[in-house]
Amino acid sequence: MTYDIKDTCDGWATDLKLKVIISFDSGEARTFETSQVSWEAKSGKSFRFMTKSGGGGGGDDQNSQTRGEARIDSSGKGSVTAISRSKPRRSCPRDPVPGRPDRPGAEAGGGG
């Protein structure tokens, strides 16, 4: 995980990156990544951001991106705009954790 914050004269810029790798007993590994970049005016009246996330072993079909902006005008009224773009996700197995009887699709009486 990395987190950077920078003073950009009229605002603050942040950059957060996170990568998680989960290894299963079967030897299979899944990687999940997320990043967020944002800028906030020092006046507190404007904020912009972009987040990206993806992973899970599905390649590009697991990626999503959201951009947004929030503003407060001189009268104090606020507005928010967000745009989200996601690529289709592939279907998950019914029982992502075999042997867990508390999960849908797990075998009844499987011990867990």
C-alpha atoms as a PDB file:
ATOM      1  CA  MET A   1       0.000   0.000   0.000  1.00  0.00           C
ATOM      2  CA  THR A   2       1.237   3.462  -0.838  1.00  0.00           C
ATOM      3  CA  TYR A   3      -0.281   6.811   0.093  1.00  0.00           C
ATOM      4  CA  ASP A   4       1.064  10.134  -1.165  1.00  0.00           C
ATOM      5  CA  ILE A   5      -0.220  13.567  -0.259  1.00  0.00           C
ATOM      6  CA  LYS A   6       1.045  16.728  -1.938  1.00  0.00           C
ATOM      7  CA  ASP A   7       0.535  20.439  -1.410  1.00  0.00           C
ATOM      8  CA  THR A   8      -0.407  21.811  -4.855  1.00  0.00           C
ATOM      9  CA  CYS A   9      -0.512  25.532  -3.952  1.00  0.00           C
ATOM     10  CA  ASP A  10      -4.304  25.895  -4.105  1.00  0.00           C
ATOM     11  CA  GLY A  11      -5.207  22.412  -2.891  1.00  0.00           C
ATOM     12  CA  TRP A  12      -4.169  18.990  -1.664  1.00  0.00           C
ATOM     13  CA  ALA A  13      -3.613  16.046  -3.984  1.00  0.00           C
ATOM     14  CA  THR A  14      -3.658  12.450  -2.743  1.00  0.00           C
ATOM     15  CA  ASP A  15      -2.727   9.205  -4.447  1.00  0.00           C
ATOM     16  CA  LEU A  16      -3.589   5.882  -2.779  1.00  0.00           C
ATOM     17  CA  LYS A  17      -2.657   2.498  -4.233  1.00  0.00           C
ATOM     18  CA  LEU A  18      -3.462  -0.882  -2.672  1.00  0.00           C
ATOM     19  CA  LYS A  19      -2.689  -4.385  -3.921  1.00  0.00           C
ATOM     20  CA  VAL A  20      -3.828  -7.540  -2.111  1.00  0.00           C
ATOM     21  CA  ILE A  21      -2.832 -11.057  -3.170  1.00  0.00           C
ATOM     22  CA  ILE A  22      -4.799 -13.943  -1.683  1.00  0.00           C
ATOM     23  CA  SER A  23      -3.258 -17.401  -1.980  1.00  0.00           C
ATOM     24  CA  PHE A  24      -5.460 -20.472  -1.588  1.00  0.00           C
ATOM     25  CA  ASP A  25      -4.428 -23.942  -0.352  1.00  0.00           C
ATOM     26  CA  SER A  26      -5.008 -25.185  -3.902  1.00  0.00           C
ATOM     27  CA  GLY A  27      -2.106 -23.016  -5.076  1.00  0.00           C
ATOM     28  CA  GLU A  28      -4.397 -20.605  -6.910  1.00  0.00           C
ATOM     29  CA  ALA A  29      -3.870 -16.907  -6.183  1.00  0.00           C
ATOM     30  CA  ARG A  30      -6.163 -13.935  -6.723  1.00  0.00           C
ATOM     31  CA  THR A  31      -4.975 -10.353  -6.972  1.00  0.00           C
ATOM     32  CA  PHE A  32      -7.149  -7.353  -6.127  1.00  0.00           C
ATOM     33  CA  GLU A  33      -5.970  -3.819  -6.850  1.00  0.00           C
ATOM     34  CA  THR A  34      -7.461  -0.425  -6.165  1.00  0.00           C
ATOM     35  CA  SER A  35      -6.263   3.144  -6.581  1.00  0.00           C
ATOM     36  CA  GLN A  36      -7.725   6.506  -5.720  1.00  0.00           C
ATOM     37  CA  VAL A  37      -6.503   9.910  -6.843  1.00  0.00           C
ATOM     38  CA  SER A  38      -8.110  13.032  -5.432  1.00  0.00           C
ATOM     39  CA  TRP A  39      -7.688  16.783  -5.208  1.00  0.00           C
ATOM     40  CA  GLU A  40      -9.335  19.081  -2.675  1.00  0.00           C
ATOM     41  CA  ALA A  41      -9.200  22.863  -2.748  1.00  0.00           C
ATOM     42  CA  LYS A  42      -7.726  24.391   0.385  1.00  0.00           C
ATOM     43  CA  SER A  43     -10.880  26.483   0.588  1.00  0.00           C
ATOM     44  CA  GLY A  44     -12.869  23.246   0.990  1.00  0.00           C
ATOM     45  CA  LYS A  45     -15.223  24.289  -1.815  1.00  0.00           C
ATOM     46  CA  SER A  46     -14.099  21.883  -4.536  1.00  0.00           C
ATOM     47  CA  PHE A  47     -13.155  18.195  -4.588  1.00  0.00           C
ATOM     48  CA  ARG A  48     -12.339  15.846  -7.494  1.00  0.00           C
ATOM     49  CA  PHE A  49     -11.589  12.136  -7.410  1.00  0.00           C
ATOM     50  CA  MET A  50     -11.039   9.040  -9.504  1.00  0.00           C
ATOM     51  CA  THR A  51     -11.072   5.471  -8.221  1.00  0.00           C
ATOM     52  CA  LYS A  52     -10.108   2.329 -10.094  1.00  0.00           C
ATOM     53  CA  SER A  53     -10.454  -1.222  -8.886  1.00  0.00           C
ATOM     54  CA  GLY A  54     -10.021  -4.632 -10.379  1.00  0.00           C
ATOM     55  CA  GLY A  55      -8.774  -8.113  -9.960  1.00  0.00           C
ATOM     56  CA  GLY A  56     -10.063 -11.340  -8.603  1.00  0.00           C
ATOM     57  CA  GLY A  57      -8.464 -13.423 -11.299  1.00  0.00           C
ATOM     58  CA  GLY A  58     -10.736 -12.313 -14.103  1.00  0.00           C
ATOM     59  CA  GLY A  59      -8.378  -9.964 -15.920  1.00  0.00           C
ATOM     60  CA  ASP A  60      -9.849  -6.847 -17.524  1.00  0.00           C
ATOM     61  CA  ASP A  61     -13.410  -8.110 -17.106  1.00  0.00           C
ATOM     62  CA  GLN A  62     -13.181  -7.271 -13.391  1.00  0.00           C
ATOM     63  CA  ASN A  63     -12.235  -3.580 -13.706  1.00  0.00           C
ATOM     64  CA  SER A  64     -14.298  -0.570 -12.709  1.00  0.00           C
ATOM     65  CA  GLN A  65     -13.635   3.153 -12.636  1.00  0.00           C
ATOM     66  CA  THR A  66     -15.491   6.050 -10.996  1.00  0.00           C
ATOM     67  CA  ARG A  67     -14.800   9.750 -11.438  1.00  0.00           C
ATOM     68  CA  GLY A  68     -16.495  12.513  -9.549  1.00  0.00           C
ATOM     69  CA  GLU A  69     -16.533  16.119  -8.502  1.00  0.00           C
ATOM     70  CA  ALA A  70     -18.153  18.033  -5.667  1.00  0.00           C
ATOM     71  CA  ARG A  71     -18.477  21.808  -5.416  1.00  0.00           C
ATOM     72  CA  ILE A  72     -19.920  24.354  -3.021  1.00  0.00           C
ATOM     73  CA  ASP A  73     -20.869  27.658  -4.637  1.00  0.00           C
ATOM     74  CA  SER A  74     -20.720  31.114  -3.046  1.00  0.00           C
ATOM     75  CA  SER A  75     -24.290  30.767  -1.728  1.00  0.00           C
ATOM     76  CA  GLY A  76     -23.352  27.554   0.114  1.00  0.00           C
ATOM     77  CA  LYS A  77     -25.247  25.204  -2.204  1.00  0.00           C
ATOM     78  CA  GLY A  78     -23.433  22.007  -3.051  1.00  0.00           C
ATOM     79  CA  SER A  79     -23.438  19.823  -6.133  1.00  0.00           C
ATOM     80  CA  VAL A  80     -21.973  16.393  -6.789  1.00  0.00           C
ATOM     81  CA  THR A  81     -21.323  14.671 -10.107  1.00  0.00           C
ATOM     82  CA  ALA A  82     -20.087  11.092 -10.413  1.00  0.00           C
ATOM     83  CA  ILE A  83     -19.551   8.904 -13.457  1.00  0.00           C
ATOM     84  CA  SER A  84     -18.990   5.176 -13.068  1.00  0.00           C
ATOM     85  CA  ARG A  85     -17.719   2.823 -15.739  1.00  0.00           C
ATOM     86  CA  SER A  86     -17.578  -0.893 -15.095  1.00  0.00           C
ATOM     87  CA  LYS A  87     -16.645  -3.766 -17.332  1.00  0.00           C
ATOM     88  CA  PRO A  88     -18.845  -6.874 -17.068  1.00  0.00           C
ATOM     89  CA  ARG A  89     -17.976  -9.243 -14.265  1.00  0.00           C
ATOM     90  CA  ARG A  90     -17.716 -12.933 -14.810  1.00  0.00           C
ATOM     91  CA  SER A  91     -19.930 -15.217 -12.774  1.00  0.00           C
ATOM     92  CA  CYS A  92     -18.650 -16.607  -9.493  1.00  0.00           C
ATOM     93  CA  PRO A  93     -18.926 -20.230  -8.453  1.00  0.00           C
ATOM     94  CA  ARG A  94     -21.897 -20.850  -6.215  1.00  0.00           C
ATOM     95  CA  ASP A  95     -19.657 -21.882  -3.322  1.00  0.00           C
ATOM     96  CA  PRO A  96     -16.476 -19.782  -3.440  1.00  0.00           C
ATOM     97  CA  VAL A  97     -15.224 -21.375  -0.200  1.00  0.00           C
ATOM     98  CA  PRO A  98     -15.697 -25.172  -0.448  1.00  0.00           C
ATOM     99  CA  GLY A  99     -16.596 -26.923   2.776  1.00  0.00           C
ATOM    100  CA  ARG A 100     -18.286 -23.920   4.373  1.00  0.00           C
ATOM    101  CA  PRO A 101     -21.822 -25.087   5.237  1.00  0.00           C
ATOM    102  CA  ASP A 102     -22.924 -21.505   5.933  1.00  0.00           C
ATOM    103  CA  ARG A 103     -22.441 -20.574   2.265  1.00  0.00           C
ATOM    104  CA  PRO A 104     -25.054 -21.094  -0.487  1.00  0.00           C
ATOM    105  CA  GLY A 105     -24.232 -24.154  -2.524  1.00  0.00           C
ATOM    106  CA  ALA A 106     -22.186 -25.864   0.200  1.00  0.00           C
ATOM    107  CA  GLU A 107     -22.951 -29.482   0.886  1.00  0.00           C
ATOM    108  CA  ALA A 108     -25.311 -30.029   3.791  1.00  0.00           C
ATOM    109  CA  GLY A 109     -23.626 -31.693   6.766  1.00  0.00           C
ATOM    110  CA  GLY A 110     -20.221 -31.130   5.182  1.00  0.00           C
ATOM    111  CA  GLY A 111     -18.583 -30.434   8.525  1.00  0.00           C
ATOM    112  CA  GLY A 112     -16.859 -27.085   7.852  1.00  0.00           C
END
